[in-house]
Amino acid sequence: MCSIGPLQKIVQQGIVDLDAHRLDEVMKLFHPECVMMMPAGEEVGLDGIALAFKLQIDGFPDARQFVTPAGLLEPTGSHVTWRACDVLTFRKDKIVRWCAFLDLASIALQMGSP
């Protein structure tokens, strides 16, 4: 069983890799049976989760936080901020479940949605 220290290092490295758009490295953190639950829906398996991260990178290319995708958004160059809470479950040293909680209404308002 992993202690909090090693798991924290795994997540921190994932943040560094995601900020650098190294998707192949980020995906090494996930268990093949992983599930990602987020407000926009649920992704199951490595392919779905890789696509979700690609959409995040495409939509928020300058993101310097570990954020989760919020659906299909066209890049606008606008600055947006929000708070999120991510709960990760590990099986040994791999992420097997990721539950993301964020305020989509705040993001939509900042992007000009009525």
C-alpha atoms as a PDB file:
ATOM      1  CA  MET A   1       0.000   0.000   0.000  1.00  0.00           C
ATOM      2  CA  CYS A   2       1.317   3.466  -0.924  1.00  0.00           C
ATOM      3  CA  SER A   3       1.558   6.222   1.637  1.00  0.00           C
ATOM      4  CA  ILE A   4       0.449   9.799   0.928  1.00  0.00           C
ATOM      5  CA  GLY A   5       4.034  10.912   0.124  1.00  0.00           C
ATOM      6  CA  PRO A   6       4.568   8.724  -2.967  1.00  0.00           C
ATOM      7  CA  LEU A   7       1.048   9.383  -4.260  1.00  0.00           C
ATOM      8  CA  GLN A   8       1.551  13.124  -3.891  1.00  0.00           C
ATOM      9  CA  LYS A   9       4.741  12.864  -5.950  1.00  0.00           C
ATOM     10  CA  ILE A  10       2.857  10.959  -8.669  1.00  0.00           C
ATOM     11  CA  VAL A  11       0.195  13.686  -8.862  1.00  0.00           C
ATOM     12  CA  GLN A  12       2.768  16.502  -8.823  1.00  0.00           C
ATOM     13  CA  GLN A  13       4.644  14.904 -11.723  1.00  0.00           C
ATOM     14  CA  GLY A  14       1.350  14.583 -13.579  1.00  0.00           C
ATOM     15  CA  ILE A  15       0.774  18.330 -13.132  1.00  0.00           C
ATOM     16  CA  VAL A  16       4.226  19.107 -14.542  1.00  0.00           C
ATOM     17  CA  ASP A  17       3.669  16.780 -17.514  1.00  0.00           C
ATOM     18  CA  LEU A  18       0.179  18.124 -18.229  1.00  0.00           C
ATOM     19  CA  ASP A  19       1.381  21.738 -18.112  1.00  0.00           C
ATOM     20  CA  ALA A  20       4.115  20.764 -20.608  1.00  0.00           C
ATOM     21  CA  HIS A  21       1.535  18.982 -22.811  1.00  0.00           C
ATOM     22  CA  ARG A  22       3.327  15.629 -22.430  1.00  0.00           C
ATOM     23  CA  LEU A  23       0.157  13.579 -22.752  1.00  0.00           C
ATOM     24  CA  ASP A  24       2.006  10.256 -23.158  1.00  0.00           C
ATOM     25  CA  GLU A  25       3.649  10.800 -19.765  1.00  0.00           C
ATOM     26  CA  VAL A  26       0.375  11.826 -18.104  1.00  0.00           C
ATOM     27  CA  MET A  27      -1.341   8.683 -19.372  1.00  0.00           C
ATOM     28  CA  LYS A  28       1.316   6.479 -17.719  1.00  0.00           C
ATOM     29  CA  LEU A  29      -0.255   7.510 -14.388  1.00  0.00           C
ATOM     30  CA  PHE A  30      -3.564   5.784 -15.169  1.00  0.00           C
ATOM     31  CA  HIS A  31      -4.630   2.195 -14.614  1.00  0.00           C
ATOM     32  CA  PRO A  32      -6.063   0.521 -17.773  1.00  0.00           C
ATOM     33  CA  GLU A  33      -9.469   0.200 -16.047  1.00  0.00           C
ATOM     34  CA  CYS A  34      -9.582   3.839 -14.995  1.00  0.00           C
ATOM     35  CA  VAL A  35     -12.757   5.911 -14.860  1.00  0.00           C
ATOM     36  CA  MET A  36     -12.820   9.725 -14.958  1.00  0.00           C
ATOM     37  CA  MET A  37     -16.020  11.339 -13.701  1.00  0.00           C
ATOM     38  CA  MET A  38     -16.557  15.028 -14.400  1.00  0.00           C
ATOM     39  CA  PRO A  39     -19.473  17.434 -14.791  1.00  0.00           C
ATOM     40  CA  ALA A  40     -19.482  17.008 -18.590  1.00  0.00           C
ATOM     41  CA  GLY A  41     -19.742  13.223 -18.361  1.00  0.00           C
ATOM     42  CA  GLU A  42     -17.770  10.081 -17.684  1.00  0.00           C
ATOM     43  CA  GLU A  43     -14.795   8.660 -19.541  1.00  0.00           C
ATOM     44  CA  VAL A  44     -13.855   5.003 -19.137  1.00  0.00           C
ATOM     45  CA  GLY A  45     -10.489   3.586 -20.159  1.00  0.00           C
ATOM     46  CA  LEU A  46      -7.246   5.095 -21.350  1.00  0.00           C
ATOM     47  CA  ASP A  47      -8.455   6.225 -24.794  1.00  0.00           C
ATOM     48  CA  GLY A  48     -11.378   8.240 -23.423  1.00  0.00           C
ATOM     49  CA  ILE A  49      -9.285   9.848 -20.724  1.00  0.00           C
ATOM     50  CA  ALA A  50      -6.518  10.721 -23.217  1.00  0.00           C
ATOM     51  CA  LEU A  51      -9.136  12.408 -25.425  1.00  0.00           C
ATOM     52  CA  ALA A  52     -10.487  14.380 -22.438  1.00  0.00           C
ATOM     53  CA  PHE A  53      -6.984  15.659 -21.650  1.00  0.00           C
ATOM     54  CA  LYS A  54      -6.382  16.505 -25.318  1.00  0.00           C
ATOM     55  CA  LEU A  55      -9.570  18.581 -25.337  1.00  0.00           C
ATOM     56  CA  GLN A  56      -8.374  20.347 -22.191  1.00  0.00           C
ATOM     57  CA  ILE A  57      -4.974  21.099 -23.713  1.00  0.00           C
ATOM     58  CA  ASP A  58      -6.571  22.335 -26.962  1.00  0.00           C
ATOM     59  CA  GLY A  59      -9.154  24.462 -25.120  1.00  0.00           C
ATOM     60  CA  PHE A  60      -6.804  25.830 -22.454  1.00  0.00           C
ATOM     61  CA  PRO A  61      -3.303  25.655 -23.978  1.00  0.00           C
ATOM     62  CA  ASP A  62      -1.808  28.093 -21.466  1.00  0.00           C
ATOM     63  CA  ALA A  63      -3.305  26.417 -18.387  1.00  0.00           C
ATOM     64  CA  ARG A  64      -0.859  26.264 -15.526  1.00  0.00           C
ATOM     65  CA  GLN A  65      -3.105  24.472 -13.102  1.00  0.00           C
ATOM     66  CA  PHE A  66      -4.314  20.943 -13.061  1.00  0.00           C
ATOM     67  CA  VAL A  67      -7.799  21.409 -14.458  1.00  0.00           C
ATOM     68  CA  THR A  68     -10.277  19.025 -16.000  1.00  0.00           C
ATOM     69  CA  PRO A  69     -12.064  19.345 -19.334  1.00  0.00           C
ATOM     70  CA  ALA A  70     -15.470  20.969 -19.326  1.00  0.00           C
ATOM     71  CA  GLY A  71     -16.735  19.815 -22.686  1.00  0.00           C
ATOM     72  CA  LEU A  72     -15.967  21.063 -26.175  1.00  0.00           C
ATOM     73  CA  LEU A  73     -14.802  24.681 -26.080  1.00  0.00           C
ATOM     74  CA  GLU A  74     -13.219  26.648 -28.871  1.00  0.00           C
ATOM     75  CA  PRO A  75     -10.007  28.469 -27.844  1.00  0.00           C
ATOM     76  CA  THR A  76     -10.710  32.215 -27.518  1.00  0.00           C
ATOM     77  CA  GLY A  77      -7.542  33.581 -25.944  1.00  0.00           C
ATOM     78  CA  SER A  78      -9.621  34.828 -22.998  1.00  0.00           C
ATOM     79  CA  HIS A  79      -8.457  34.428 -19.411  1.00  0.00           C
ATOM     80  CA  VAL A  80     -10.692  32.381 -17.108  1.00  0.00           C
ATOM     81  CA  THR A  81     -10.229  31.173 -13.555  1.00  0.00           C
ATOM     82  CA  TRP A  82     -12.131  28.705 -11.420  1.00  0.00           C
ATOM     83  CA  ARG A  83     -11.821  26.495  -8.405  1.00  0.00           C
ATOM     84  CA  ALA A  84     -11.963  22.752  -8.623  1.00  0.00           C
ATOM     85  CA  CYS A  85     -11.688  19.762  -6.351  1.00  0.00           C
ATOM     86  CA  ASP A  86     -10.364  16.481  -7.712  1.00  0.00           C
ATOM     87  CA  VAL A  87     -10.633  13.222  -5.790  1.00  0.00           C
ATOM     88  CA  LEU A  88      -8.328  10.476  -7.037  1.00  0.00           C
ATOM     89  CA  THR A  89      -8.443   6.789  -6.108  1.00  0.00           C
ATOM     90  CA  PHE A  90      -5.319   4.713  -6.651  1.00  0.00           C
ATOM     91  CA  ARG A  91      -4.782   1.014  -7.203  1.00  0.00           C
ATOM     92  CA  LYS A  92      -1.165   0.536  -6.170  1.00  0.00           C
ATOM     93  CA  ASP A  93       0.565   3.436  -7.931  1.00  0.00           C
ATOM     94  CA  LYS A  94      -1.949   4.019 -10.773  1.00  0.00           C
ATOM     95  CA  ILE A  95      -5.046   6.242 -10.868  1.00  0.00           C
ATOM     96  CA  VAL A  96      -8.112   4.010 -11.159  1.00  0.00           C
ATOM     97  CA  ARG A  97     -10.842   6.622 -10.504  1.00  0.00           C
ATOM     98  CA  TRP A  98     -10.812  10.398 -10.880  1.00  0.00           C
ATOM     99  CA  CYS A  99     -13.805  12.445  -9.740  1.00  0.00           C
ATOM    100  CA  ALA A 100     -13.663  16.125 -10.699  1.00  0.00           C
ATOM    101  CA  PHE A 101     -15.899  18.775  -9.178  1.00  0.00           C
ATOM    102  CA  LEU A 102     -15.911  22.291 -10.643  1.00  0.00           C
ATOM    103  CA  ASP A 103     -18.198  25.248 -11.193  1.00  0.00           C
ATOM    104  CA  LEU A 104     -19.113  25.113 -14.886  1.00  0.00           C
ATOM    105  CA  ALA A 105     -21.465  28.097 -14.542  1.00  0.00           C
ATOM    106  CA  SER A 106     -18.561  30.298 -13.448  1.00  0.00           C
ATOM    107  CA  ILE A 107     -16.499  29.212 -16.445  1.00  0.00           C
ATOM    108  CA  ALA A 108     -19.408  29.772 -18.857  1.00  0.00           C
ATOM    109  CA  LEU A 109     -20.102  33.267 -17.500  1.00  0.00           C
ATOM    110  CA  GLN A 110     -16.453  34.263 -17.831  1.00  0.00           C
ATOM    111  CA  MET A 111     -16.502  33.062 -21.430  1.00  0.00           C
ATOM    112  CA  GLY A 112     -19.509  35.238 -22.244  1.00  0.00           C
ATOM    113  CA  SER A 113     -22.322  32.704 -21.998  1.00  0.00           C
ATOM    114  CA  PRO A 114     -25.679  34.311 -21.048  1.00  0.00           C
END
